[in-house]
Amino acid sequence: VVRAVADAVMDPQGRAIDICGGSGHLTRSLADRAASAPILADL
């Protein structure tokens, strides 16, 4: 789902954020979707 939606909404300069993303497994799916590094937020 994240890859499909990212392909539609992300542009090269855009950013994504993974909230409550734990150890970053899903953040990894966002890493090649834009030039800006994804943000991983967790407690």
PDB file of all heavy atoms in Angstrom:
ATOM      1  N   VAL A   1       0.832  -1.207   0.000  1.00  0.00           N
ATOM      2  CA  VAL A   1       0.000   0.000   0.000  1.00  0.00           C
ATOM      3  C   VAL A   1       0.865   1.255   0.000  1.00  0.00           C
ATOM      4  O   VAL A   1       0.633   2.198  -0.770  1.00  0.00           O
ATOM      5  CB  VAL A   1      -0.956  -0.012   1.204  1.00  0.00           C
ATOM      6  CG1 VAL A   1      -1.627   1.352   1.380  1.00  0.00           C
ATOM      7  CG2 VAL A   1      -2.001  -1.104   1.046  1.00  0.00           C
ATOM      8  N   VAL A   2       1.882   1.281   0.853  1.00  0.00           N
ATOM      9  CA  VAL A   2       2.739   2.468   0.949  1.00  0.00           C
ATOM     10  C   VAL A   2       3.469   2.725  -0.360  1.00  0.00           C
ATOM     11  O   VAL A   2       3.557   3.874  -0.830  1.00  0.00           O
ATOM     12  CB  VAL A   2       3.725   2.300   2.127  1.00  0.00           C
ATOM     13  CG1 VAL A   2       4.890   3.269   2.011  1.00  0.00           C
ATOM     14  CG2 VAL A   2       2.995   2.511   3.442  1.00  0.00           C
ATOM     15  N   ARG A   3       3.971   1.677  -0.988  1.00  0.00           N
ATOM     16  CA  ARG A   3       4.677   1.857  -2.259  1.00  0.00           C
ATOM     17  C   ARG A   3       3.732   2.359  -3.350  1.00  0.00           C
ATOM     18  O   ARG A   3       4.080   3.235  -4.150  1.00  0.00           O
ATOM     19  CB  ARG A   3       5.341   0.555  -2.685  1.00  0.00           C
ATOM     20  CG  ARG A   3       6.563   0.205  -1.859  1.00  0.00           C
ATOM     21  CD  ARG A   3       7.124  -1.163  -2.254  1.00  0.00           C
ATOM     22  NE  ARG A   3       8.425  -1.351  -1.645  1.00  0.00           N
ATOM     23  CZ  ARG A   3       9.557  -0.869  -2.149  1.00  0.00           C
ATOM     24  NH1 ARG A   3       9.549  -0.189  -3.273  1.00  0.00           N
ATOM     25  NH2 ARG A   3      10.705  -1.072  -1.537  1.00  0.00           N
ATOM     26  N   ALA A   4       2.534   1.793  -3.383  1.00  0.00           N
ATOM     27  CA  ALA A   4       1.573   2.202  -4.405  1.00  0.00           C
ATOM     28  C   ALA A   4       1.191   3.671  -4.242  1.00  0.00           C
ATOM     29  O   ALA A   4       1.177   4.442  -5.218  1.00  0.00           O
ATOM     30  CB  ALA A   4       0.332   1.317  -4.327  1.00  0.00           C
ATOM     31  N   VAL A   5       0.882   4.076  -3.024  1.00  0.00           N
ATOM     32  CA  VAL A   5       0.469   5.469  -2.792  1.00  0.00           C
ATOM     33  C   VAL A   5       1.653   6.419  -2.984  1.00  0.00           C
ATOM     34  O   VAL A   5       1.499   7.509  -3.550  1.00  0.00           O
ATOM     35  CB  VAL A   5      -0.153   5.619  -1.400  1.00  0.00           C
ATOM     36  CG1 VAL A   5      -0.505   7.075  -1.114  1.00  0.00           C
ATOM     37  CG2 VAL A   5      -1.409   4.748  -1.280  1.00  0.00           C
ATOM     38  N   ALA A   6       2.840   5.996  -2.533  1.00  0.00           N
ATOM     39  CA  ALA A   6       4.019   6.847  -2.710  1.00  0.00           C
ATOM     40  C   ALA A   6       4.288   7.112  -4.182  1.00  0.00           C
ATOM     41  O   ALA A   6       4.645   8.238  -4.569  1.00  0.00           O
ATOM     42  CB  ALA A   6       5.233   6.200  -2.054  1.00  0.00           C
ATOM     43  N   ASP A   7       4.114   6.106  -5.030  1.00  0.00           N
ATOM     44  CA  ASP A   7       4.334   6.303  -6.469  1.00  0.00           C
ATOM     45  C   ASP A   7       3.390   7.361  -7.038  1.00  0.00           C
ATOM     46  O   ASP A   7       3.736   8.063  -7.994  1.00  0.00           O
ATOM     47  CB  ASP A   7       4.134   4.981  -7.213  1.00  0.00           C
ATOM     48  CG  ASP A   7       5.299   4.024  -7.010  1.00  0.00           C
ATOM     49  OD1 ASP A   7       6.373   4.471  -6.557  1.00  0.00           O
ATOM     50  OD2 ASP A   7       5.137   2.817  -7.293  1.00  0.00           O
ATOM     51  N   ALA A   8       2.212   7.497  -6.440  1.00  0.00           N
ATOM     52  CA  ALA A   8       1.241   8.469  -6.936  1.00  0.00           C
ATOM     53  C   ALA A   8       1.493   9.874  -6.397  1.00  0.00           C
ATOM     54  O   ALA A   8       1.305  10.857  -7.128  1.00  0.00           O
ATOM     55  CB  ALA A   8      -0.178   8.016  -6.581  1.00  0.00           C
ATOM     56  N   VAL A   9       1.884  10.001  -5.134  1.00  0.00           N
ATOM     57  CA  VAL A   9       1.896  11.336  -4.516  1.00  0.00           C
ATOM     58  C   VAL A   9       3.282  11.948  -4.357  1.00  0.00           C
ATOM     59  O   VAL A   9       3.394  13.165  -4.204  1.00  0.00           O
ATOM     60  CB  VAL A   9       1.203  11.315  -3.131  1.00  0.00           C
ATOM     61  CG1 VAL A   9      -0.205  10.770  -3.241  1.00  0.00           C
ATOM     62  CG2 VAL A   9       2.002  10.533  -2.094  1.00  0.00           C
ATOM     63  N   MET A  10       4.340  11.135  -4.359  1.00  0.00           N
ATOM     64  CA  MET A  10       5.667  11.675  -4.072  1.00  0.00           C
ATOM     65  C   MET A  10       6.290  12.291  -5.310  1.00  0.00           C
ATOM     66  O   MET A  10       6.232  11.725  -6.407  1.00  0.00           O
ATOM     67  CB  MET A  10       6.588  10.570  -3.542  1.00  0.00           C
ATOM     68  CG  MET A  10       6.152   9.961  -2.222  1.00  0.00           C
ATOM     69  SD  MET A  10       6.250  11.107  -0.827  1.00  0.00           S
ATOM     70  CE  MET A  10       8.023  11.334  -0.700  1.00  0.00           C
ATOM     71  N   ASP A  11       6.899  13.458  -5.152  1.00  0.00           N
ATOM     72  CA  ASP A  11       7.726  14.019  -6.211  1.00  0.00           C
ATOM     73  C   ASP A  11       9.180  13.997  -5.742  1.00  0.00           C
ATOM     74  O   ASP A  11       9.449  13.719  -4.572  1.00  0.00           O
ATOM     75  CB  ASP A  11       7.266  15.426  -6.599  1.00  0.00           C
ATOM     76  CG  ASP A  11       7.444  16.439  -5.465  1.00  0.00           C
ATOM     77  OD1 ASP A  11       8.511  16.440  -4.818  1.00  0.00           O
ATOM     78  OD2 ASP A  11       6.522  17.238  -5.248  1.00  0.00           O
ATOM     79  N   PRO A  12      10.146  14.251  -6.623  1.00  0.00           N
ATOM     80  CA  PRO A  12      11.553  14.079  -6.239  1.00  0.00           C
ATOM     81  C   PRO A  12      11.988  14.883  -5.023  1.00  0.00           C
ATOM     82  O   PRO A  12      12.915  14.489  -4.319  1.00  0.00           O
ATOM     83  CB  PRO A  12      12.313  14.515  -7.501  1.00  0.00           C
ATOM     84  CG  PRO A  12      11.362  14.250  -8.616  1.00  0.00           C
ATOM     85  CD  PRO A  12      10.006  14.536  -8.067  1.00  0.00           C
ATOM     86  N   GLN A  13      11.354  16.021  -4.765  1.00  0.00           N
ATOM     87  CA  GLN A  13      11.751  16.846  -3.631  1.00  0.00           C
ATOM     88  C   GLN A  13      10.862  16.635  -2.405  1.00  0.00           C
ATOM     89  O   GLN A  13      11.036  17.311  -1.397  1.00  0.00           O
ATOM     90  CB  GLN A  13      11.711  18.328  -4.040  1.00  0.00           C
ATOM     91  CG  GLN A  13      12.616  18.661  -5.225  1.00  0.00           C
ATOM     92  CD  GLN A  13      14.044  18.178  -5.027  1.00  0.00           C
ATOM     93  OE1 GLN A  13      14.642  18.384  -3.968  1.00  0.00           O
ATOM     94  NE2 GLN A  13      14.595  17.521  -6.046  1.00  0.00           N
ATOM     95  N   GLY A  14       9.919  15.721  -2.491  1.00  0.00           N
ATOM     96  CA  GLY A  14       8.981  15.514  -1.398  1.00  0.00           C
ATOM     97  C   GLY A  14       9.573  14.721  -0.245  1.00  0.00           C
ATOM     98  O   GLY A  14      10.632  14.107  -0.356  1.00  0.00           O
ATOM     99  N   ARG A  15       8.850  14.728   0.855  1.00  0.00           N
ATOM    100  CA  ARG A  15       9.249  13.982   2.040  1.00  0.00           C
ATOM    101  C   ARG A  15       8.115  13.055   2.466  1.00  0.00           C
ATOM    102  O   ARG A  15       6.939  13.331   2.229  1.00  0.00           O
ATOM    103  CB  ARG A  15       9.541  14.924   3.218  1.00  0.00           C
ATOM    104  CG  ARG A  15      10.892  15.586   3.209  1.00  0.00           C
ATOM    105  CD  ARG A  15      11.064  16.363   4.498  1.00  0.00           C
ATOM    106  NE  ARG A  15      12.334  17.034   4.598  1.00  0.00           N
ATOM    107  CZ  ARG A  15      13.438  16.494   5.120  1.00  0.00           C
ATOM    108  NH1 ARG A  15      13.399  15.270   5.589  1.00  0.00           N
ATOM    109  NH2 ARG A  15      14.558  17.180   5.187  1.00  0.00           N
ATOM    110  N   ALA A  16       8.511  11.975   3.147  1.00  0.00           N
ATOM    111  CA  ALA A  16       7.548  11.066   3.759  1.00  0.00           C
ATOM    112  C   ALA A  16       7.930  10.872   5.213  1.00  0.00           C
ATOM    113  O   ALA A  16       9.099  11.038   5.598  1.00  0.00           O
ATOM    114  CB  ALA A  16       7.544   9.724   3.029  1.00  0.00           C
ATOM    115  N   ILE A  17       6.935  10.512   6.029  1.00  0.00           N
ATOM    116  CA  ILE A  17       7.194  10.242   7.442  1.00  0.00           C
ATOM    117  C   ILE A  17       6.491   8.951   7.842  1.00  0.00           C
ATOM    118  O   ILE A  17       5.347   8.709   7.456  1.00  0.00           O
ATOM    119  CB  ILE A  17       6.745  11.414   8.341  1.00  0.00           C
ATOM    120  CG1 ILE A  17       7.078  11.131   9.808  1.00  0.00           C
ATOM    121  CG2 ILE A  17       5.263  11.739   8.165  1.00  0.00           C
ATOM    122  CD1 ILE A  17       6.920  12.331  10.729  1.00  0.00           C
ATOM    123  N   ASP A  18       7.194   8.136   8.616  1.00  0.00           N
ATOM    124  CA  ASP A  18       6.677   6.884   9.168  1.00  0.00           C
ATOM    125  C   ASP A  18       6.537   7.092  10.676  1.00  0.00           C
ATOM    126  O   ASP A  18       7.529   7.115  11.403  1.00  0.00           O
ATOM    127  CB  ASP A  18       7.651   5.749   8.844  1.00  0.00           C
ATOM    128  CG  ASP A  18       7.166   4.386   9.286  1.00  0.00           C
ATOM    129  OD1 ASP A  18       6.017   4.275   9.728  1.00  0.00           O
ATOM    130  OD2 ASP A  18       7.951   3.416   9.181  1.00  0.00           O
ATOM    131  N   ILE A  19       5.290   7.266  11.139  1.00  0.00           N
ATOM    132  CA  ILE A  19       5.016   7.574  12.544  1.00  0.00           C
ATOM    133  C   ILE A  19       4.820   6.277  13.316  1.00  0.00           C
ATOM    134  O   ILE A  19       4.144   5.361  12.850  1.00  0.00           O
ATOM    135  CB  ILE A  19       3.764   8.464  12.652  1.00  0.00           C
ATOM    136  CG1 ILE A  19       4.017   9.804  11.941  1.00  0.00           C
ATOM    137  CG2 ILE A  19       3.384   8.701  14.107  1.00  0.00           C
ATOM    138  CD1 ILE A  19       2.748  10.625  11.743  1.00  0.00           C
ATOM    139  N   CYS A  20       5.406   6.201  14.509  1.00  0.00           N
ATOM    140  CA  CYS A  20       5.403   4.958  15.302  1.00  0.00           C
ATOM    141  C   CYS A  20       6.031   3.842  14.484  1.00  0.00           C
ATOM    142  O   CYS A  20       5.570   2.694  14.510  1.00  0.00           O
ATOM    143  CB  CYS A  20       4.001   4.581  15.753  1.00  0.00           C
ATOM    144  SG  CYS A  20       3.136   5.828  16.715  1.00  0.00           S
ATOM    145  N   GLY A  21       7.107   4.170  13.778  1.00  0.00           N
ATOM    146  CA  GLY A  21       7.702   3.253  12.804  1.00  0.00           C
ATOM    147  C   GLY A  21       8.661   2.236  13.369  1.00  0.00           C
ATOM    148  O   GLY A  21       9.265   1.482  12.603  1.00  0.00           O
ATOM    149  N   GLY A  22       8.851   2.202  14.703  1.00  0.00           N
ATOM    150  CA  GLY A  22       9.676   1.164  15.308  1.00  0.00           C
ATOM    151  C   GLY A  22      11.088   1.152  14.768  1.00  0.00           C
ATOM    152  O   GLY A  22      11.771   2.187  14.719  1.00  0.00           O
ATOM    153  N   SER A  23      11.536  -0.019  14.336  1.00  0.00           N
ATOM    154  CA  SER A  23      12.908  -0.185  13.827  1.00  0.00           C
ATOM    155  C   SER A  23      13.035   0.079  12.338  1.00  0.00           C
ATOM    156  O   SER A  23      14.020  -0.323  11.726  1.00  0.00           O
ATOM    157  CB  SER A  23      13.423  -1.591  14.145  1.00  0.00           C
ATOM    158  OG  SER A  23      13.621  -1.742  15.534  1.00  0.00           O
ATOM    159  N   GLY A  24      12.046   0.714  11.743  1.00  0.00           N
ATOM    160  CA  GLY A  24      12.216   1.245  10.397  1.00  0.00           C
ATOM    161  C   GLY A  24      11.984   0.283   9.254  1.00  0.00           C
ATOM    162  O   GLY A  24      12.383   0.566   8.120  1.00  0.00           O
ATOM    163  N   HIS A  25      11.297  -0.843   9.499  1.00  0.00           N
ATOM    164  CA  HIS A  25      11.086  -1.794   8.413  1.00  0.00           C
ATOM    165  C   HIS A  25      10.263  -1.174   7.284  1.00  0.00           C
ATOM    166  O   HIS A  25      10.609  -1.315   6.097  1.00  0.00           O
ATOM    167  CB  HIS A  25      10.418  -3.059   8.947  1.00  0.00           C
ATOM    168  CG  HIS A  25      11.306  -3.858   9.852  1.00  0.00           C
ATOM    169  ND1 HIS A  25      11.653  -3.412  11.113  1.00  0.00           N
ATOM    170  CD2 HIS A  25      11.926  -5.048   9.683  1.00  0.00           C
ATOM    171  CE1 HIS A  25      12.454  -4.301  11.676  1.00  0.00           C
ATOM    172  NE2 HIS A  25      12.632  -5.307  10.836  1.00  0.00           N
ATOM    173  N   LEU A  26       9.192  -0.478   7.626  1.00  0.00           N
ATOM    174  CA  LEU A  26       8.386   0.161   6.589  1.00  0.00           C
ATOM    175  C   LEU A  26       9.050   1.444   6.088  1.00  0.00           C
ATOM    176  O   LEU A  26       8.867   1.814   4.919  1.00  0.00           O
ATOM    177  CB  LEU A  26       6.981   0.449   7.129  1.00  0.00           C
ATOM    178  CG  LEU A  26       5.919   0.802   6.098  1.00  0.00           C
ATOM    179  CD1 LEU A  26       5.780  -0.307   5.055  1.00  0.00           C
ATOM    180  CD2 LEU A  26       4.588   1.063   6.767  1.00  0.00           C
ATOM    181  N   THR A  27       9.811   2.107   6.928  1.00  0.00           N
ATOM    182  CA  THR A  27      10.572   3.285   6.486  1.00  0.00           C
ATOM    183  C   THR A  27      11.473   2.918   5.316  1.00  0.00           C
ATOM    184  O   THR A  27      11.675   3.716   4.391  1.00  0.00           O
ATOM    185  CB  THR A  27      11.424   3.836   7.639  1.00  0.00           C
ATOM    186  OG1 THR A  27      10.672   3.875   8.837  1.00  0.00           O
ATOM    187  CG2 THR A  27      11.944   5.226   7.319  1.00  0.00           C
ATOM    188  N   ARG A  28      12.006   1.710   5.362  1.00  0.00           N
ATOM    189  CA  ARG A  28      12.865   1.213   4.273  1.00  0.00           C
ATOM    190  C   ARG A  28      12.126   1.234   2.932  1.00  0.00           C
ATOM    191  O   ARG A  28      12.738   1.469   1.888  1.00  0.00           O
ATOM    192  CB  ARG A  28      13.312  -0.206   4.625  1.00  0.00           C
ATOM    193  CG  ARG A  28      14.326  -0.848   3.706  1.00  0.00           C
ATOM    194  CD  ARG A  28      14.752  -2.167   4.326  1.00  0.00           C
ATOM    195  NE  ARG A  28      15.819  -2.821   3.594  1.00  0.00           N
ATOM    196  CZ  ARG A  28      15.662  -3.925   2.872  1.00  0.00           C
ATOM    197  NH1 ARG A  28      14.463  -4.492   2.788  1.00  0.00           N
ATOM    198  NH2 ARG A  28      16.689  -4.480   2.235  1.00  0.00           N
ATOM    199  N   SER A  29      10.819   0.989   2.956  1.00  0.00           N
ATOM    200  CA  SER A  29      10.026   1.006   1.725  1.00  0.00           C
ATOM    201  C   SER A  29       9.925   2.402   1.139  1.00  0.00           C
ATOM    202  O   SER A  29       9.614   2.565  -0.046  1.00  0.00           O
ATOM    203  CB  SER A  29       8.619   0.467   1.997  1.00  0.00           C
ATOM    204  OG  SER A  29       8.659  -0.829   2.548  1.00  0.00           O
ATOM    205  N   LEU A  30      10.158   3.429   1.949  1.00  0.00           N
ATOM    206  CA  LEU A  30      10.045   4.812   1.500  1.00  0.00           C
ATOM    207  C   LEU A  30      11.374   5.400   1.050  1.00  0.00           C
ATOM    208  O   LEU A  30      11.400   6.489   0.466  1.00  0.00           O
ATOM    209  CB  LEU A  30       9.490   5.671   2.646  1.00  0.00           C
ATOM    210  CG  LEU A  30       8.084   5.327   3.134  1.00  0.00           C
ATOM    211  CD1 LEU A  30       7.815   6.000   4.479  1.00  0.00           C
ATOM    212  CD2 LEU A  30       7.054   5.746   2.108  1.00  0.00           C
ATOM    213  N   ALA A  31      12.464   4.692   1.328  1.00  0.00           N
ATOM    214  CA  ALA A  31      13.794   5.290   1.176  1.00  0.00           C
ATOM    215  C   ALA A  31      14.129   5.645  -0.264  1.00  0.00           C
ATOM    216  O   ALA A  31      14.887   6.599  -0.506  1.00  0.00           O
ATOM    217  CB  ALA A  31      14.848   4.348   1.748  1.00  0.00           C
ATOM    218  N   ASP A  32      13.596   4.906  -1.236  1.00  0.00           N
ATOM    219  CA  ASP A  32      13.945   5.187  -2.629  1.00  0.00           C
ATOM    220  C   ASP A  32      12.820   5.902  -3.366  1.00  0.00           C
ATOM    221  O   ASP A  32      12.800   5.943  -4.591  1.00  0.00           O
ATOM    222  CB  ASP A  32      14.301   3.882  -3.357  1.00  0.00           C
ATOM    223  CG  ASP A  32      13.172   2.851  -3.300  1.00  0.00           C
ATOM    224  OD1 ASP A  32      12.148   3.133  -2.651  1.00  0.00           O
ATOM    225  OD2 ASP A  32      13.327   1.771  -3.896  1.00  0.00           O
ATOM    226  N   ARG A  33      11.868   6.488  -2.625  1.00  0.00           N
ATOM    227  CA  ARG A  33      10.729   7.125  -3.263  1.00  0.00           C
ATOM    228  C   ARG A  33      10.916   8.621  -3.485  1.00  0.00           C
ATOM    229  O   ARG A  33      10.094   9.241  -4.149  1.00  0.00           O
ATOM    230  CB  ARG A  33       9.465   6.891  -2.426  1.00  0.00           C
ATOM    231  CG  ARG A  33       8.855   5.476  -2.494  1.00  0.00           C
ATOM    232  CD  ARG A  33       9.033   4.879  -3.849  1.00  0.00           C
ATOM    233  NE  ARG A  33       8.206   3.738  -4.162  1.00  0.00           N
ATOM    234  CZ  ARG A  33       8.697   2.551  -4.531  1.00  0.00           C
ATOM    235  NH1 ARG A  33       9.998   2.347  -4.553  1.00  0.00           N
ATOM    236  NH2 ARG A  33       7.897   1.586  -4.893  1.00  0.00           N
ATOM    237  N   ALA A  34      11.936   9.233  -2.919  1.00  0.00           N
ATOM    238  CA  ALA A  34      12.191  10.666  -3.098  1.00  0.00           C
ATOM    239  C   ALA A  34      13.641  10.946  -2.740  1.00  0.00           C
ATOM    240  O   ALA A  34      14.311  10.135  -2.088  1.00  0.00           O
ATOM    241  CB  ALA A  34      11.250  11.499  -2.241  1.00  0.00           C
ATOM    242  N   ALA A  35      14.123  12.111  -3.166  1.00  0.00           N
ATOM    243  CA  ALA A  35      15.507  12.472  -2.870  1.00  0.00           C
ATOM    244  C   ALA A  35      15.703  12.780  -1.396  1.00  0.00           C
ATOM    245  O   ALA A  35      16.779  12.546  -0.837  1.00  0.00           O
ATOM    246  CB  ALA A  35      15.908  13.679  -3.722  1.00  0.00           C
ATOM    247  N   SER A  36      14.674  13.317  -0.740  1.00  0.00           N
ATOM    248  CA  SER A  36      14.775  13.649   0.683  1.00  0.00           C
ATOM    249  C   SER A  36      14.612  12.395   1.523  1.00  0.00           C
ATOM    250  O   SER A  36      13.729  11.562   1.261  1.00  0.00           O
ATOM    251  CB  SER A  36      13.703  14.669   1.070  1.00  0.00           C
ATOM    252  OG  SER A  36      13.872  15.868   0.362  1.00  0.00           O
ATOM    253  N   ALA A  37      15.456  12.243   2.536  1.00  0.00           N
ATOM    254  CA  ALA A  37      15.399  11.065   3.397  1.00  0.00           C
ATOM    255  C   ALA A  37      14.072  11.016   4.142  1.00  0.00           C
ATOM    256  O   ALA A  37      13.584  12.043   4.630  1.00  0.00           O
ATOM    257  CB  ALA A  37      16.544  11.093   4.399  1.00  0.00           C
ATOM    258  N   PRO A  38      13.456   9.835   4.250  1.00  0.00           N
ATOM    259  CA  PRO A  38      12.230   9.735   5.037  1.00  0.00           C
ATOM    260  C   PRO A  38      12.510   9.961   6.517  1.00  0.00           C
ATOM    261  O   PRO A  38      13.582   9.635   7.026  1.00  0.00           O
ATOM    262  CB  PRO A  38      11.748   8.308   4.776  1.00  0.00           C
ATOM    263  CG  PRO A  38      12.982   7.551   4.399  1.00  0.00           C
ATOM    264  CD  PRO A  38      13.865   8.538   3.693  1.00  0.00           C
ATOM    265  N   ILE A  39      11.528  10.510   7.200  1.00  0.00           N
ATOM    266  CA  ILE A  39      11.600  10.690   8.646  1.00  0.00           C
ATOM    267  C   ILE A  39      11.001   9.456   9.312  1.00  0.00           C
ATOM    268  O   ILE A  39       9.930   8.981   8.927  1.00  0.00           O
ATOM    269  CB  ILE A  39      10.822  11.939   9.097  1.00  0.00           C
ATOM    270  CG1 ILE A  39      11.401  13.210   8.462  1.00  0.00           C
ATOM    271  CG2 ILE A  39      10.812  12.049  10.625  1.00  0.00           C
ATOM    272  CD1 ILE A  39      12.739  13.626   8.982  1.00  0.00           C
ATOM    273  N   LEU A  40      11.688   8.930  10.310  1.00  0.00           N
ATOM    274  CA  LEU A  40      11.181   7.830  11.127  1.00  0.00           C
ATOM    275  C   LEU A  40      10.944   8.376  12.529  1.00  0.00           C
ATOM    276  O   LEU A  40      11.875   8.832  13.191  1.00  0.00           O
ATOM    277  CB  LEU A  40      12.186   6.680  11.162  1.00  0.00           C
ATOM    278  CG  LEU A  40      11.919   5.559  12.173  1.00  0.00           C
ATOM    279  CD1 LEU A  40      10.561   4.908  11.938  1.00  0.00           C
ATOM    280  CD2 LEU A  40      13.033   4.514  12.120  1.00  0.00           C
ATOM    281  N   ALA A  41       9.691   8.351  12.978  1.00  0.00           N
ATOM    282  CA  ALA A  41       9.329   8.877  14.287  1.00  0.00           C
ATOM    283  C   ALA A  41       8.868   7.743  15.190  1.00  0.00           C
ATOM    284  O   ALA A  41       7.999   6.960  14.809  1.00  0.00           O
ATOM    285  CB  ALA A  41       8.224   9.922  14.147  1.00  0.00           C
ATOM    286  N   ASP A  42       9.439   7.668  16.377  1.00  0.00           N
ATOM    287  CA  ASP A  42       9.043   6.641  17.341  1.00  0.00           C
ATOM    288  C   ASP A  42       9.445   7.113  18.732  1.00  0.00           C
ATOM    289  O   ASP A  42      10.365   7.925  18.887  1.00  0.00           O
ATOM    290  CB  ASP A  42       9.695   5.297  17.018  1.00  0.00           C
ATOM    291  CG  ASP A  42       8.978   4.135  17.686  1.00  0.00           C
ATOM    292  OD1 ASP A  42       9.332   3.789  18.842  1.00  0.00           O
ATOM    293  OD2 ASP A  42       8.058   3.564  17.068  1.00  0.00           O
ATOM    294  N   LEU A  43       8.778   6.556  19.744  1.00  0.00           N
ATOM    295  CA  LEU A  43       9.069   6.942  21.126  1.00  0.00           C
ATOM    296  C   LEU A  43      10.339   6.294  21.644  1.00  0.00           C
ATOM    297  O   LEU A  43      10.971   6.824  22.565  1.00  0.00           O
ATOM    298  CB  LEU A  43       7.879   6.559  22.008  1.00  0.00           C
ATOM    299  CG  LEU A  43       7.969   6.887  23.501  1.00  0.00           C
ATOM    300  CD1 LEU A  43       8.135   8.389  23.719  1.00  0.00           C
ATOM    301  CD2 LEU A  43       6.734   6.379  24.235  1.00  0.00           C
TER     302      LEU A  43
END
